[in-house]
């Protein structure tokens, strides 16, 4: 699939050796989104069986963020590195641009408020965080307390307290308790401040995972303190993280492929609360 960067959907399958930029847990199995590596470069998607092209209307766009409406799976919003945010209401067959107020259209990540379906946050490249409360029709910057020209690699929102949001940046993790009104750094114990991926445990939102150039870190205190969370993955650049809806598995997308980690419910809060069940190729489900 050379020379085009499109959104694709897959059956539960893995792709060994591919750079993973986004993973989305679906209600039935896992859905992985593998972004292209730029125009003219091989993304590797043609080597994965059971992939189907979903989108071809957004032009030459590198899609790096995708959110699915939890009440209507046909409603998608995609963040792109060249064109801002797009919306589809027909499962990806057609798209419309949603960039009013989005003064930086180099979008790196999107997240949706699970309780307010019209509230979304977009993280941008050197433009910080933007917020919309009308489904993307209008955007506003919400950057008080963030680094100047912040690169927002990842966003994660607390499913129970949706005013609590985390941003992974080039200067570590920042937290807001006010829906983006103000932010503060929460980096104690985080030895690598290039944070590319974030995931919140849905069973215990105080537990947060961060993907960095030095692997995965975990906080059990809503970001107030961090420790390494390796468990056999080894030194890997972790580009994205996702936790399955029921909180049974943590997936890490790396430059070597997908690693998945199964939690042991009884021991979940401890540092050894799980066992890696596959590595480097994305286990099938």
Protein backbone atom coordinates (compact mmCIF):
# COMPACT_ATOMS: atom_id res chain seq x y z
CA UNK A 1 0.00 0.00 0.00
CA UNK A 2 2.65 2.46 -1.10
CA UNK A 3 2.20 6.13 -1.89
CA UNK A 4 -1.01 6.68 0.06
CA UNK A 5 -1.87 7.11 3.71
CA UNK A 6 -5.38 5.88 4.45
CA UNK A 7 -7.48 4.71 7.35
CA UNK A 8 -7.90 0.97 7.38
CA UNK A 9 -9.80 -1.44 9.58
CA UNK A 10 -8.78 -5.01 10.34
CA UNK A 11 -10.07 -8.23 11.72
CA UNK A 12 -8.19 -9.23 14.91
CA UNK A 13 -4.72 -9.85 13.51
CA UNK A 14 -1.18 -8.63 13.94
CA UNK A 15 1.55 -7.32 11.71
CA UNK A 16 5.05 -8.26 12.77
CA UNK A 17 7.74 -5.67 12.37
CA UNK A 18 5.43 -2.77 11.57
CA UNK A 19 5.50 0.62 13.29
CA UNK A 20 2.22 0.89 15.17
CA UNK A 21 0.79 4.40 15.57
CA UNK A 22 -2.66 3.73 17.00
CA UNK A 23 -4.58 0.86 18.56
CA UNK A 24 -8.31 1.00 19.25
CA UNK A 25 -10.02 -1.59 21.45
CA UNK A 26 -13.34 -2.61 19.91
CA UNK A 27 -16.27 -4.30 21.63
CA UNK A 28 -15.62 -7.52 19.72
CA UNK A 29 -11.92 -8.34 19.67
CA UNK A 30 -9.19 -5.82 18.82
CA UNK A 31 -9.16 -3.34 16.01
CA UNK A 32 -5.74 -1.99 15.10
CA UNK A 33 -5.08 1.12 13.06
CA UNK A 34 -1.70 1.11 11.32
CA UNK A 35 -0.81 4.55 10.01
CA UNK A 36 1.25 4.99 6.85
CA UNK A 37 4.81 6.18 7.23
CA UNK A 38 4.45 9.10 4.82
CA UNK A 39 3.79 9.44 1.13
CA UNK A 40 5.89 7.19 -1.02
CA UNK A 41 6.93 4.88 1.83
CA UNK A 42 5.74 1.33 2.34
CA UNK A 43 3.37 1.06 5.30
CA UNK A 44 3.30 -2.72 5.28
CA UNK A 45 -0.48 -2.96 5.22
CA UNK A 46 -0.48 -4.95 1.99
CA UNK A 47 1.19 -7.83 3.83
CA UNK A 48 -1.66 -8.20 6.35
CA UNK A 49 -4.51 -10.52 5.44
CA UNK A 50 -8.15 -9.50 6.03
CA UNK A 51 -7.55 -5.73 5.82
CA UNK A 52 -10.09 -3.63 3.97
CA UNK A 53 -9.80 -0.04 2.78
CA UNK A 54 -12.29 2.18 4.56
CA UNK A 55 -11.31 5.69 3.54
CA UNK A 56 -10.04 7.34 0.40
CA UNK A 57 -11.66 10.81 0.40
CA UNK A 58 -9.40 12.76 2.73
CA UNK A 59 -6.61 13.03 0.18
CA UNK A 60 -2.93 12.60 1.00
CA UNK A 61 -3.25 12.60 4.77
CA UNK A 62 -1.27 10.68 7.36
CA UNK A 63 -3.98 9.55 9.78
CA UNK A 64 -2.65 9.33 13.34
CA UNK A 65 -5.76 9.67 15.50
CA UNK A 66 -9.14 8.04 15.20
CA UNK A 67 -12.12 8.09 17.56
CA UNK A 68 -15.34 6.11 17.26
CA UNK A 69 -18.66 7.36 18.61
CA UNK A 70 -19.56 4.83 21.35
CA UNK A 71 -23.27 5.20 20.58
CA UNK A 72 -22.93 5.01 16.80
CA UNK A 73 -19.90 3.15 15.36
CA UNK A 74 -20.56 4.63 11.91
CA UNK A 75 -19.56 8.07 13.24
CA UNK A 76 -15.77 8.49 13.07
CA UNK A 77 -13.42 11.41 13.53
CA UNK A 78 -9.88 11.27 12.22
CA UNK A 79 -6.94 13.48 13.08
CA UNK A 80 -4.37 13.99 10.33
CA UNK A 81 -0.90 15.44 10.21
CA UNK A 82 -1.58 17.61 7.19
CA UNK A 83 -5.26 18.45 7.23
CA UNK A 84 -6.62 18.69 10.76
CA UNK A 85 -9.76 16.81 11.78
CA UNK A 86 -12.22 14.96 9.54
CA UNK A 87 -15.60 13.45 10.35
CA UNK A 88 -17.45 10.57 8.75
CA UNK A 89 -21.05 9.57 9.48
CA UNK A 90 -21.10 6.54 7.19
CA UNK A 91 -18.35 4.34 8.55
CA UNK A 92 -15.58 6.04 6.59
CA UNK A 93 -17.03 6.07 3.09
CA UNK A 94 -17.09 9.88 2.98
CA UNK A 95 -15.44 12.57 5.12
CA UNK A 96 -15.91 16.27 5.89
CA UNK A 97 -13.28 18.60 7.35
CA UNK A 98 -13.86 20.11 10.83
CA UNK A 99 -11.20 22.77 11.37
CA UNK A 100 -12.97 25.97 12.44
CA UNK A 101 -10.80 27.48 15.18
CA UNK A 102 -8.16 24.78 14.83
CA UNK A 103 -5.26 27.11 14.16
CA UNK A 104 -2.78 24.22 14.05
CA UNK A 105 -3.96 21.47 11.72
CA UNK A 106 -0.98 19.18 12.35
CA UNK A 107 -3.00 16.87 14.60
CA UNK A 108 -1.21 14.02 16.35
CA UNK A 109 -3.94 12.59 18.58
CA UNK A 110 -7.67 12.76 19.32
CA UNK A 111 -9.72 11.72 22.32
CA UNK A 112 -13.45 11.74 22.99
CA UNK A 113 -15.18 12.50 26.29
CA UNK A 114 -16.97 9.21 27.06
CA UNK A 115 -19.85 11.03 28.75
CA UNK A 116 -20.22 13.97 26.39
CA UNK A 117 -20.06 12.69 22.82
CA UNK A 118 -19.72 16.21 21.37
CA UNK A 119 -16.67 17.03 23.51
CA UNK A 120 -13.34 16.14 21.94
CA UNK A 121 -9.72 17.11 22.44
CA UNK A 122 -7.09 17.32 19.70
CA UNK A 123 -3.38 17.24 20.42
CA UNK A 124 -1.22 18.99 17.86
CA UNK A 125 2.39 19.30 16.79
CA UNK A 126 3.77 22.43 18.49
CA UNK A 127 0.27 23.87 18.91
CA UNK A 128 -0.80 22.28 22.18
CA UNK A 129 -4.33 21.04 22.90
CA UNK A 130 -7.58 22.14 21.27
CA UNK A 131 -11.07 21.42 22.59
CA UNK A 132 -14.50 21.31 21.00
CA UNK A 133 -17.85 20.98 22.76
CA UNK A 134 -19.98 20.83 19.61
CA UNK A 135 -18.63 17.75 17.90
CA UNK A 136 -15.82 19.52 16.07
CA UNK A 137 -17.70 22.43 14.50
CA UNK A 138 -15.66 24.89 16.56
CA UNK A 139 -12.32 24.44 18.32
CA UNK A 140 -10.53 26.47 21.01
CA UNK A 141 -7.00 26.22 22.38
CA UNK A 142 -6.73 25.08 26.02
CA UNK A 143 -3.04 25.39 26.85
CA UNK A 144 -2.56 27.25 30.13
CA UNK A 145 0.29 25.48 31.96
CA UNK A 146 1.49 23.45 28.98
CA UNK A 147 4.97 24.02 27.53
CA UNK A 148 5.21 26.68 24.86
CA UNK A 149 4.84 25.10 21.42
CA UNK A 150 3.88 21.84 23.10
CA UNK A 151 3.99 18.70 20.99
CA UNK A 152 1.02 16.60 22.14
CA UNK A 153 1.75 13.01 21.23
CA UNK A 154 -1.04 11.46 23.29
CA UNK A 155 -4.19 12.30 25.26
CA UNK A 156 -6.07 10.17 27.78
CA UNK A 157 -9.26 11.03 29.64
CA UNK A 158 -10.49 9.63 32.96
CA UNK A 159 -13.67 7.65 32.17
CA UNK A 160 -15.24 8.47 35.54
CA UNK A 161 -14.04 12.06 36.03
CA UNK A 162 -14.02 13.40 32.50
CA UNK A 163 -12.61 16.76 33.55
CA UNK A 164 -9.39 14.88 34.34
CA UNK A 165 -7.24 14.62 31.24
CA UNK A 166 -3.61 13.71 30.63
CA UNK A 167 -1.34 14.89 27.83
CA UNK A 168 1.83 13.12 26.73
CA UNK A 169 4.33 15.67 25.45
CA UNK A 170 7.99 16.17 24.60
CA UNK A 171 8.40 17.35 28.22
CA UNK A 172 6.58 14.55 29.97
CA UNK A 173 3.02 14.09 31.21
CA UNK A 174 0.72 16.99 32.04
CA UNK A 175 -2.60 16.72 33.87
CA UNK A 176 -5.68 18.90 33.96
CA UNK A 177 -8.51 18.49 36.44
CA UNK A 178 -10.67 21.11 34.77
CA UNK A 179 -11.23 19.90 31.23
CA UNK A 180 -8.20 21.78 29.93
CA UNK A 181 -8.65 25.10 31.74
CA UNK A 182 -5.17 24.67 33.25
CA UNK A 183 -2.44 22.02 33.22
CA UNK A 184 0.39 20.93 35.53
CA UNK A 185 3.34 18.58 35.00
CA UNK A 186 3.19 15.15 36.73
CA UNK A 187 6.58 13.58 36.01
CA UNK A 188 8.02 12.27 39.29
CA UNK A 189 9.79 8.98 38.54
CA UNK A 190 9.41 9.33 34.78
CA UNK A 191 12.98 8.95 33.50
CA UNK A 192 12.06 9.56 29.85
CA UNK A 193 10.00 12.67 29.17
CA UNK A 194 9.21 11.92 25.52
CA UNK A 195 5.77 10.43 26.14
CA UNK A 196 4.23 9.04 22.95
CA UNK A 197 1.38 6.95 24.34
CA UNK A 198 -1.01 7.06 27.30
CA UNK A 199 -3.67 4.65 28.56
CA UNK A 200 -5.93 4.73 31.64
CA UNK A 201 -7.07 1.53 33.31
CA UNK A 202 -10.89 1.55 32.99
CA UNK A 203 -11.22 -0.65 36.08
CA UNK A 204 -9.09 1.73 38.16
CA UNK A 205 -8.70 5.19 36.60
CA UNK A 206 -6.05 6.13 39.15
CA UNK A 207 -3.75 3.76 37.22
CA UNK A 208 -2.16 5.26 34.14
CA UNK A 209 0.40 3.90 31.67
CA UNK A 210 2.85 5.96 29.60
CA UNK A 211 4.72 4.80 26.50
CA UNK A 212 8.17 6.35 26.05
CA UNK A 213 11.44 5.87 24.19
CA UNK A 214 12.49 3.63 27.10
CA UNK A 215 9.42 1.44 27.30
CA UNK A 216 6.33 1.62 29.49
CA UNK A 217 5.92 3.42 32.82
CA UNK A 218 3.02 3.07 35.23
CA UNK A 219 1.46 5.40 37.78
CA UNK A 220 -0.97 4.17 40.43
CA UNK A 221 -1.66 7.68 41.67
CA UNK A 222 -3.20 9.48 38.70
CA UNK A 223 0.23 10.55 37.48
CA UNK A 224 1.64 11.80 40.81
CA UNK A 225 4.41 9.17 40.72
CA UNK A 226 5.78 6.78 38.07
CA UNK A 227 7.76 3.52 37.92
CA UNK A 228 9.04 1.32 35.09
CA UNK A 229 6.67 -1.38 33.82
CA UNK A 230 8.73 -3.70 31.64
CA UNK A 231 7.75 -7.36 32.24
CA UNK A 232 9.77 -8.88 29.42
CA UNK A 233 9.19 -6.34 26.68
CA UNK A 234 12.74 -5.01 26.92
CA UNK A 235 13.94 -1.61 25.72
CA UNK A 236 11.42 -0.52 23.12
CA UNK A 237 10.17 2.77 21.72
CA UNK A 238 6.48 2.60 22.60
CA UNK A 239 4.44 4.69 20.19
CA UNK A 240 0.94 3.94 21.46
CA UNK A 241 -0.90 2.17 24.26
CA UNK A 242 -4.43 0.85 24.65
CA UNK A 243 -6.36 -1.06 27.28
CA UNK A 244 -9.23 -3.30 26.28
CA UNK A 245 -12.72 -2.12 27.34
CA UNK A 246 -12.98 -4.64 30.18
CA UNK A 247 -9.44 -3.94 31.32
CA UNK A 248 -8.03 -7.44 30.77
CA UNK A 249 -5.20 -6.59 28.38
CA UNK A 250 -2.73 -3.77 27.84
CA UNK A 251 -1.40 -3.43 24.29
CA UNK A 252 1.77 -1.55 23.39
CA UNK A 253 2.47 -0.55 19.80
CA UNK A 254 6.21 -0.38 19.18
CA UNK A 255 8.60 -0.16 16.26
CA UNK A 256 8.95 -3.95 16.50
CA UNK A 257 5.21 -4.66 16.44
CA UNK A 258 2.54 -5.18 19.10
CA UNK A 259 3.15 -6.47 22.62
CA UNK A 260 0.20 -7.50 24.76
CA UNK A 261 0.10 -7.96 28.50
CA UNK A 262 -2.58 -9.83 30.44
CA UNK A 263 -3.53 -8.51 33.85
CA UNK A 264 -4.09 -10.77 36.83
CA UNK A 265 -7.14 -9.26 38.50
CA UNK A 266 -6.27 -10.26 42.05
CA UNK A 267 -2.81 -8.74 41.83
CA UNK A 268 -3.63 -5.77 39.61
CA UNK A 269 -2.25 -2.94 41.79
CA UNK A 270 1.16 -4.58 42.27
CA UNK A 271 4.23 -4.14 40.10
CA UNK A 272 4.01 -7.73 38.84
CA UNK A 273 0.30 -7.73 38.06
CA UNK A 274 0.41 -9.60 34.80
CA UNK A 275 2.18 -11.85 32.37
CA UNK A 276 3.22 -11.01 28.81
CA UNK A 277 1.33 -13.40 26.53
CA UNK A 278 2.81 -12.47 23.15
CA UNK A 279 5.42 -10.16 21.76
CA UNK A 280 6.70 -8.61 18.59
CA UNK A 281 3.93 -9.76 16.31
CA UNK A 282 0.66 -8.88 17.92
CA UNK A 283 -1.08 -11.98 19.18
CA UNK A 284 -4.20 -13.06 17.36
CA UNK A 285 -7.50 -13.17 19.23
